[in-house]
Amino acid sequence: MSTPSVRHPGEFRWETRLLAVVTLTLTGFGVANCLAAGAYLEASYHEAIQQAGAALAGGLIFLAVAYTDYHIWRRLAKPLLIATLIGLVLIAIPALIWGNSPAPGVVEALFPLHGGGRRWIKLGVQIQVSEIARFTLAAYLAAQLAAMGTKVRHLREGLLPLLGVVGLTMLLIALEPSVSVSVVIAVIGAAIIFTAGARISHLMVPAVFGVAVIAAVLVLEPVRAKRLLNYSEPCLEIPPDQACNSLIGFGSGGVTGTGFGRGNGKLGHMPLIDSDFLLSGVGEEWGLVGVVFVCLCFAIFCWMGFRIAKTARDPFGTYLASGLTLGIGVSAFMHAAVVTGLMPVTGLTLPFMSAGRVSLILCLFSAGVLVSIGRQRGRPAPAR
């Protein structure tokens, strides 16, 4: 006879509901701004329509995952990570061989060069495997740490193999190249391992090594070195660079903005205003009020995510919720820092809001897993 589940405490329900409301609000607001950005350009308009379709599909996936037992991801974590690493290796090979030069026809069709890197596998739709890695790595680490218990405090037995997996994932993503996503991967990995009880002293050496490697890439790689120079001397280029135009957009928006759909950035003054610099478009058309609203939504999302992690029914839920929440929160923070001139340009999109169908669907998928973890709090932990 099975043990009856404990009733879900009433004080937990509002957290999952609020997280769902904030998620769908950000998604809807993002689709609206993508449509506004595409109103004047036919290509951008078609992309915005596709983004709306992705939001609808992602919303259905969000609901399906929210009502699925999240322990399924514990069982699937290892094969999903292996598949992700294989995809990253397939992308890294042409990235290393051809770099920014055109590859032979079939290779170029499968691994297209875009924006100075090869970050996608094109199989009908373009799949950015590094975005998938955020979830698969988090699920794998959460599953391993939940089974490992206190062994994570031992460097050789517990920590080193996990750090090796995180380091390999970071390296493959950096080879695309995509330094910003590598940083997000590092934060997710370190946060999950630290949440599981690893010693800070054990994490310091790989952290210092990782920072040194990233700094070397930023200085030695010509495109990124130029971005650092532009960051140190903003708005000196003629015509102004993206970072300068982003600040101009914020300044022209003022407190209440120019009005929805009335911004000038979409007319070609601000490239990538529907993706890498979307928050600048929000600042221009919605003003300080709109930017504060978006930041508040992300703050609430992270608050609810960490509350769910703290009260999850088992360690796997705690570790997975922590990693997924940080993945969304760090990406949003880095995007905001770039468009406001606090960081060099990285090319990191704003979760739930920026154009990018696969990215949007994966963000909604991650939010659905968070809701699933939140819904099952108050019930007995499953048998191991």
Protein backbone atom coordinates (compact mmCIF):
# COMPACT_ATOMS: atom_id res chain seq x y z
CA MET A 1 0.00 0.00 0.00
CA SER A 2 1.54 3.29 -1.08
CA THR A 3 2.19 6.09 1.40
CA PRO A 4 -0.31 8.92 0.88
CA SER A 5 1.15 12.23 -0.22
CA VAL A 6 1.14 15.12 2.17
CA ARG A 7 -1.19 17.85 0.99
CA HIS A 8 0.50 20.69 -0.77
CA PRO A 9 0.79 23.51 1.84
CA GLY A 10 -1.27 26.53 0.86
CA GLU A 11 1.63 28.91 1.44
CA PHE A 12 3.58 27.25 -1.38
CA ARG A 13 0.98 27.69 -4.10
CA TRP A 14 1.37 31.43 -4.57
CA GLU A 15 5.09 31.06 -5.35
CA THR A 16 4.65 28.74 -8.32
CA ARG A 17 1.68 30.77 -9.58
CA LEU A 18 3.59 34.04 -9.34
CA LEU A 19 6.59 32.52 -11.13
CA ALA A 20 4.28 31.32 -13.92
CA VAL A 21 2.62 34.74 -14.21
CA VAL A 22 5.96 36.56 -14.36
CA THR A 23 7.28 34.10 -16.96
CA LEU A 24 4.29 34.55 -19.26
CA THR A 25 4.32 38.34 -18.71
CA LEU A 26 7.97 38.60 -19.81
CA THR A 27 7.26 36.36 -22.80
CA GLY A 28 4.25 38.39 -23.92
CA PHE A 29 6.09 41.68 -23.43
CA GLY A 30 9.03 40.33 -25.44
CA VAL A 31 6.83 39.22 -28.35
CA ALA A 32 5.15 42.66 -28.39
CA ASN A 33 8.50 44.43 -28.55
CA CYS A 34 9.76 42.08 -31.29
CA LEU A 35 6.62 42.87 -33.31
CA ALA A 36 7.21 46.58 -32.78
CA ALA A 37 10.85 46.20 -33.89
CA GLY A 38 9.73 44.36 -37.04
CA ALA A 39 6.94 46.76 -37.98
CA TYR A 40 9.13 48.73 -40.42
CA LEU A 41 11.21 45.95 -41.98
CA GLU A 42 9.65 43.02 -43.81
CA ALA A 43 12.37 40.51 -42.83
CA SER A 44 12.15 41.54 -39.18
CA TYR A 45 8.35 41.36 -39.32
CA HIS A 46 8.44 37.74 -40.52
CA GLU A 47 10.93 36.94 -37.75
CA ALA A 48 8.63 38.57 -35.21
CA ILE A 49 5.70 36.45 -36.44
CA GLN A 50 7.87 33.35 -36.04
CA GLN A 51 8.76 34.53 -32.53
CA ALA A 52 5.06 34.72 -31.69
CA GLY A 53 4.63 31.16 -32.96
CA ALA A 54 7.57 30.05 -30.82
CA ALA A 55 5.98 31.73 -27.79
CA LEU A 56 2.78 29.78 -28.39
CA ALA A 57 4.66 26.49 -28.79
CA GLY A 58 6.85 27.30 -25.79
CA GLY A 59 3.79 28.10 -23.71
CA LEU A 60 2.33 24.67 -24.43
CA ILE A 61 5.68 23.06 -23.58
CA PHE A 62 5.80 25.11 -20.38
CA LEU A 63 2.40 23.75 -19.31
CA ALA A 64 3.28 20.16 -20.25
CA VAL A 65 6.60 20.24 -18.36
CA ALA A 66 5.04 21.98 -15.34
CA TYR A 67 2.65 19.04 -14.91
CA THR A 68 5.36 16.39 -15.48
CA ASP A 69 7.24 14.83 -12.57
CA TYR A 70 10.63 16.54 -12.64
CA HIS A 71 12.41 13.34 -11.54
CA ILE A 72 12.26 12.18 -15.15
CA TRP A 73 15.12 14.61 -15.84
CA ARG A 74 17.22 12.82 -13.21
CA ARG A 75 16.90 9.59 -15.16
CA LEU A 76 17.56 11.28 -18.52
CA ALA A 77 20.32 13.62 -17.32
CA LYS A 78 23.33 11.54 -18.42
CA PRO A 79 22.16 10.62 -21.96
CA LEU A 80 20.98 14.22 -22.52
CA LEU A 81 24.37 15.60 -21.51
CA ILE A 82 26.21 13.09 -23.71
CA ALA A 83 24.05 14.10 -26.69
CA THR A 84 24.72 17.78 -25.92
CA LEU A 85 28.49 17.25 -25.75
CA ILE A 86 28.40 15.39 -29.07
CA GLY A 87 26.57 18.34 -30.62
CA LEU A 88 29.12 20.78 -29.19
CA VAL A 89 32.01 18.68 -30.55
CA LEU A 90 30.39 18.61 -34.02
CA ILE A 91 30.18 22.42 -33.94
CA ALA A 92 33.70 22.87 -32.56
CA ILE A 93 35.34 20.87 -35.39
CA PRO A 94 34.40 23.24 -38.27
CA ALA A 95 34.91 26.21 -35.94
CA LEU A 96 38.52 25.14 -35.38
CA ILE A 97 39.23 24.15 -38.99
CA TRP A 98 37.60 27.02 -40.91
CA GLY A 99 37.04 29.67 -38.24
CA ASN A 100 35.53 32.78 -39.83
CA SER A 101 36.21 31.55 -43.37
CA PRO A 102 33.48 29.90 -45.47
CA ALA A 103 33.40 26.13 -45.13
CA PRO A 104 32.60 23.60 -47.93
CA GLY A 105 28.95 23.53 -48.98
CA VAL A 106 27.56 20.72 -46.83
CA VAL A 107 29.51 21.82 -43.74
CA GLU A 108 28.42 25.43 -44.17
CA ALA A 109 24.81 24.32 -44.57
CA LEU A 110 24.90 22.27 -41.36
CA PHE A 111 27.06 24.62 -39.29
CA PRO A 112 26.41 28.14 -40.65
CA LEU A 113 28.76 31.00 -39.91
CA HIS A 114 26.85 33.90 -38.38
CA GLY A 115 27.97 36.86 -36.31
CA GLY A 116 31.61 35.77 -36.31
CA GLY A 117 31.02 32.27 -34.96
CA ARG A 118 29.61 28.81 -35.63
CA ARG A 119 27.13 28.30 -32.82
CA TRP A 120 24.29 26.48 -34.55
CA ILE A 121 23.39 23.16 -36.08
CA LYS A 122 20.89 23.67 -38.88
CA LEU A 123 18.46 20.76 -39.11
CA GLY A 124 15.38 22.40 -40.56
CA VAL A 125 15.60 24.94 -37.77
CA GLN A 126 18.80 26.37 -36.30
CA ILE A 127 19.55 24.80 -32.93
CA GLN A 128 21.97 26.56 -30.61
CA VAL A 129 23.38 23.62 -28.67
CA SER A 130 25.05 25.87 -26.09
CA GLU A 131 21.57 27.00 -24.98
CA ILE A 132 20.55 23.37 -24.51
CA ALA A 133 23.73 22.81 -22.48
CA ARG A 134 22.46 25.14 -19.78
CA PHE A 135 19.71 22.70 -18.89
CA THR A 136 21.45 19.40 -19.58
CA LEU A 137 24.54 20.35 -17.55
CA ALA A 138 22.39 21.58 -14.66
CA ALA A 139 20.35 18.35 -14.68
CA TYR A 140 23.47 16.17 -14.85
CA LEU A 141 25.22 17.97 -11.98
CA ALA A 142 22.06 17.93 -9.87
CA ALA A 143 21.61 14.19 -10.44
CA GLN A 144 25.24 13.36 -9.68
CA LEU A 145 25.40 15.55 -6.57
CA ALA A 146 22.12 14.17 -5.23
CA ALA A 147 23.57 10.65 -5.49
CA MET A 148 27.00 11.70 -4.22
CA GLY A 149 25.93 13.20 -0.91
CA THR A 150 28.85 14.36 1.27
CA LYS A 151 31.47 13.05 -1.18
CA VAL A 152 31.34 16.43 -2.89
CA ARG A 153 33.49 17.75 -0.03
CA HIS A 154 36.31 15.42 -1.14
CA LEU A 155 38.35 16.86 -3.98
CA ARG A 156 39.53 13.72 -5.76
CA GLU A 157 36.52 11.44 -5.26
CA GLY A 158 33.71 13.91 -5.75
CA LEU A 159 34.62 17.34 -7.04
CA LEU A 160 37.24 16.82 -9.76
CA PRO A 161 35.10 14.66 -12.09
CA LEU A 162 32.28 17.23 -11.94
CA LEU A 163 34.66 20.14 -12.52
CA GLY A 164 36.05 18.23 -15.51
CA VAL A 165 32.56 17.99 -17.05
CA VAL A 166 31.92 21.72 -16.45
CA GLY A 167 35.34 22.63 -17.87
CA LEU A 168 34.86 20.49 -20.98
CA THR A 169 31.46 22.04 -21.65
CA MET A 170 32.89 25.54 -21.21
CA LEU A 171 35.81 24.79 -23.53
CA LEU A 172 33.63 23.43 -26.34
CA ILE A 173 31.32 26.46 -26.14
CA ALA A 174 34.29 28.88 -26.05
CA LEU A 175 35.62 27.32 -29.27
CA GLU A 176 32.48 28.36 -31.21
CA PRO A 177 33.37 31.06 -29.96
CA SER A 178 30.84 32.14 -27.31
CA VAL A 179 32.64 33.45 -24.23
CA SER A 180 29.51 34.92 -22.65
CA VAL A 181 27.64 31.59 -22.65
CA SER A 182 30.79 29.92 -21.27
CA VAL A 183 30.67 32.35 -18.35
CA VAL A 184 27.01 31.53 -17.74
CA ILE A 185 27.82 27.80 -17.85
CA ALA A 186 30.61 28.36 -15.30
CA VAL A 187 28.28 30.24 -12.96
CA ILE A 188 25.60 27.53 -13.21
CA GLY A 189 28.11 24.76 -12.53
CA ALA A 190 29.84 26.52 -9.64
CA ALA A 191 26.52 27.50 -8.04
CA ILE A 192 25.09 23.96 -8.13
CA ILE A 193 28.30 22.44 -6.77
CA PHE A 194 28.52 25.08 -4.02
CA THR A 195 24.85 24.56 -3.11
CA ALA A 196 25.58 20.84 -2.70
CA GLY A 197 28.18 21.61 -0.03
CA ALA A 198 31.53 21.77 -1.81
CA ARG A 199 34.38 23.53 -0.04
CA ILE A 200 35.02 27.08 -1.21
CA SER A 201 38.77 26.45 -1.10
CA HIS A 202 38.34 23.61 -3.61
CA LEU A 203 36.50 25.92 -6.00
CA MET A 204 39.00 28.78 -5.85
CA VAL A 205 41.75 27.23 -8.02
CA PRO A 206 39.51 26.33 -11.00
CA ALA A 207 37.77 29.71 -10.62
CA VAL A 208 41.07 31.63 -10.86
CA PHE A 209 42.19 29.44 -13.79
CA GLY A 210 38.89 30.02 -15.60
CA VAL A 211 39.09 33.79 -15.14
CA ALA A 212 42.66 33.77 -16.48
CA VAL A 213 41.67 31.79 -19.59
CA ILE A 214 38.68 34.05 -20.29
CA ALA A 215 40.84 37.16 -19.83
CA ALA A 216 43.41 35.76 -22.28
CA VAL A 217 40.71 35.09 -24.88
CA LEU A 218 39.30 38.59 -24.48
CA VAL A 219 42.70 40.22 -24.92
CA LEU A 220 44.17 38.02 -27.66
CA GLU A 221 41.11 37.52 -29.90
CA PRO A 222 40.92 40.58 -32.24
CA VAL A 223 37.13 41.08 -32.23
CA ARG A 224 36.88 40.86 -28.46
CA ALA A 225 39.97 43.02 -27.95
CA LYS A 226 38.28 45.72 -30.05
CA ARG A 227 35.14 45.43 -27.91
CA LEU A 228 37.25 45.96 -24.79
CA LEU A 229 38.83 49.06 -26.38
CA ASN A 230 35.41 50.44 -27.29
CA TYR A 231 34.24 49.75 -23.74
CA SER A 232 37.16 51.70 -22.27
CA GLU A 233 36.59 54.60 -24.70
CA PRO A 234 32.84 54.68 -25.38
CA CYS A 235 31.21 56.65 -28.19
CA LEU A 236 34.50 57.70 -29.82
CA GLU A 237 33.96 55.76 -33.05
CA ILE A 238 32.41 57.39 -36.14
CA PRO A 239 29.77 56.16 -36.75
CA PRO A 240 28.99 55.25 -33.12
CA ASP A 241 29.29 51.58 -32.18
CA GLN A 242 26.44 49.43 -30.82
CA ALA A 243 27.19 50.18 -27.17
CA CYS A 244 27.05 53.93 -27.79
CA ASN A 245 23.81 53.68 -29.78
CA SER A 246 22.35 51.63 -26.94
CA LEU A 247 23.05 54.44 -24.47
CA ILE A 248 21.59 56.98 -26.90
CA GLY A 249 18.41 54.88 -27.01
CA PHE A 250 18.14 54.90 -23.24
CA GLY A 251 18.75 58.64 -23.12
CA SER A 252 16.09 59.42 -25.73
CA GLY A 253 13.52 57.35 -23.84
CA GLY A 254 13.63 59.43 -20.68
CA VAL A 255 11.26 58.46 -17.89
CA THR A 256 8.16 57.39 -19.81
CA GLY A 257 9.61 56.61 -23.26
CA THR A 258 8.78 57.73 -26.77
CA GLY A 259 5.76 55.41 -26.97
CA PHE A 260 5.26 51.81 -28.04
CA GLY A 261 6.44 51.32 -31.63
CA ARG A 262 7.70 54.93 -31.94
CA GLY A 263 11.39 54.37 -31.24
CA ASN A 264 14.05 55.22 -33.82
CA GLY A 265 16.37 52.33 -33.00
CA LYS A 266 14.40 49.89 -35.16
CA LEU A 267 14.96 52.09 -38.23
CA GLY A 268 18.53 50.81 -38.53
CA HIS A 269 20.22 53.01 -35.94
CA MET A 270 20.43 50.13 -33.46
CA PRO A 271 21.34 46.74 -34.97
CA LEU A 272 20.06 43.66 -33.10
CA ILE A 273 17.53 45.75 -31.20
CA ASP A 274 15.19 42.75 -31.11
CA SER A 275 17.82 40.41 -29.64
CA ASP A 276 21.21 41.39 -28.19
CA PHE A 277 20.11 44.98 -27.42
CA LEU A 278 16.42 44.46 -26.75
CA LEU A 279 16.48 46.19 -23.37
CA SER A 280 17.75 49.33 -25.08
CA GLY A 281 14.63 49.29 -27.27
CA VAL A 282 12.51 48.89 -24.14
CA GLY A 283 14.30 51.88 -22.61
CA GLU A 284 13.67 54.02 -25.68
CA GLU A 285 9.98 53.20 -26.15
CA TRP A 286 8.93 52.52 -22.54
CA GLY A 287 11.44 54.70 -20.73
CA LEU A 288 12.73 54.20 -17.22
CA VAL A 289 9.31 52.89 -16.19
CA GLY A 290 9.51 50.01 -18.68
CA VAL A 291 13.09 49.10 -17.77
CA VAL A 292 12.27 49.06 -14.05
CA PHE A 293 9.24 46.86 -14.79
CA VAL A 294 11.37 44.33 -16.70
CA CYS A 295 14.06 44.30 -14.00
CA LEU A 296 11.41 43.85 -11.31
CA CYS A 297 9.94 40.89 -13.20
CA PHE A 298 13.33 39.18 -13.39
CA ALA A 299 13.98 39.93 -9.71
CA ILE A 300 10.66 38.30 -8.78
CA PHE A 301 11.45 35.33 -11.03
CA CYS A 302 14.79 34.76 -9.29
CA TRP A 303 13.23 35.27 -5.86
CA MET A 304 10.55 32.67 -6.54
CA GLY A 305 13.11 30.32 -8.12
CA PHE A 306 15.35 30.39 -5.06
CA ARG A 307 12.38 29.97 -2.72
CA ILE A 308 11.39 26.89 -4.69
CA ALA A 309 14.98 25.60 -4.52
CA LYS A 310 15.11 26.12 -0.75
CA THR A 311 11.88 24.20 -0.11
CA ALA A 312 12.17 21.49 -2.79
CA ARG A 313 11.19 18.00 -1.71
CA ASP A 314 14.64 16.47 -2.33
CA PRO A 315 18.28 17.49 -3.01
CA PHE A 316 17.91 16.89 -6.77
CA GLY A 317 15.08 19.44 -6.92
CA THR A 318 17.08 21.92 -4.85
CA TYR A 319 20.19 21.69 -7.02
CA LEU A 320 18.29 21.73 -10.32
CA ALA A 321 16.11 24.70 -9.31
CA SER A 322 19.19 26.64 -8.16
CA GLY A 323 20.98 26.06 -11.47
CA LEU A 324 18.00 26.91 -13.68
CA THR A 325 17.22 30.07 -11.69
CA LEU A 326 20.80 31.28 -11.84
CA GLY A 327 21.01 30.53 -15.56
CA ILE A 328 18.08 32.86 -16.24
CA GLY A 329 19.14 35.48 -13.69
CA VAL A 330 22.79 35.74 -14.76
CA SER A 331 21.85 35.97 -18.44
CA ALA A 332 19.39 38.78 -17.72
CA PHE A 333 21.94 40.62 -15.57
CA MET A 334 24.69 40.36 -18.21
CA HIS A 335 22.31 41.53 -20.96
CA ALA A 336 21.31 44.56 -18.86
CA ALA A 337 24.95 45.29 -18.03
CA VAL A 338 25.92 45.27 -21.72
CA VAL A 339 23.14 47.54 -22.96
CA THR A 340 23.79 50.06 -20.16
CA GLY A 341 27.55 50.14 -20.78
CA LEU A 342 28.56 48.36 -17.57
CA MET A 343 30.13 45.47 -19.52
CA PRO A 344 31.73 45.04 -22.95
CA VAL A 345 29.42 43.78 -25.71
CA THR A 346 28.92 40.03 -25.33
CA GLY A 347 26.02 39.11 -27.62
CA LEU A 348 23.92 37.60 -24.82
CA THR A 349 20.16 37.80 -25.33
CA LEU A 350 17.52 38.66 -22.73
CA PRO A 351 15.73 35.48 -21.53
CA PHE A 352 12.05 35.14 -22.52
CA MET A 353 12.10 38.45 -24.42
CA SER A 354 14.80 38.56 -27.10
CA ALA A 355 14.21 37.20 -30.61
CA GLY A 356 15.36 33.61 -30.96
CA ARG A 357 12.84 30.80 -31.23
CA VAL A 358 14.93 27.97 -29.79
CA SER A 359 16.20 30.16 -26.96
CA LEU A 360 12.66 31.23 -26.04
CA ILE A 361 11.34 27.66 -26.06
CA LEU A 362 14.24 26.47 -23.88
CA CYS A 363 13.70 29.31 -21.40
CA LEU A 364 10.01 28.41 -21.13
CA PHE A 365 10.99 24.75 -20.77
CA SER A 366 13.31 25.63 -17.86
CA ALA A 367 10.60 27.71 -16.22
CA GLY A 368 8.21 24.77 -16.58
CA VAL A 369 10.69 22.52 -14.75
CA LEU A 370 10.89 25.11 -11.96
CA VAL A 371 7.11 25.13 -11.64
CA SER A 372 7.13 21.31 -11.57
CA ILE A 373 9.64 21.34 -8.71
CA GLY A 374 7.54 23.96 -6.90
CA ARG A 375 4.27 22.07 -7.33
CA GLN A 376 5.64 18.92 -5.67
CA ARG A 377 6.87 20.56 -2.49
CA GLY A 378 5.24 19.28 0.68
CA ARG A 379 5.13 15.71 -0.58
CA PRO A 380 7.35 12.89 0.70
CA ALA A 381 10.68 12.58 -1.11
CA PRO A 382 10.70 9.70 -3.63
CA ALA A 383 12.45 6.46 -2.73
CA ARG A 384 16.04 6.34 -4.00
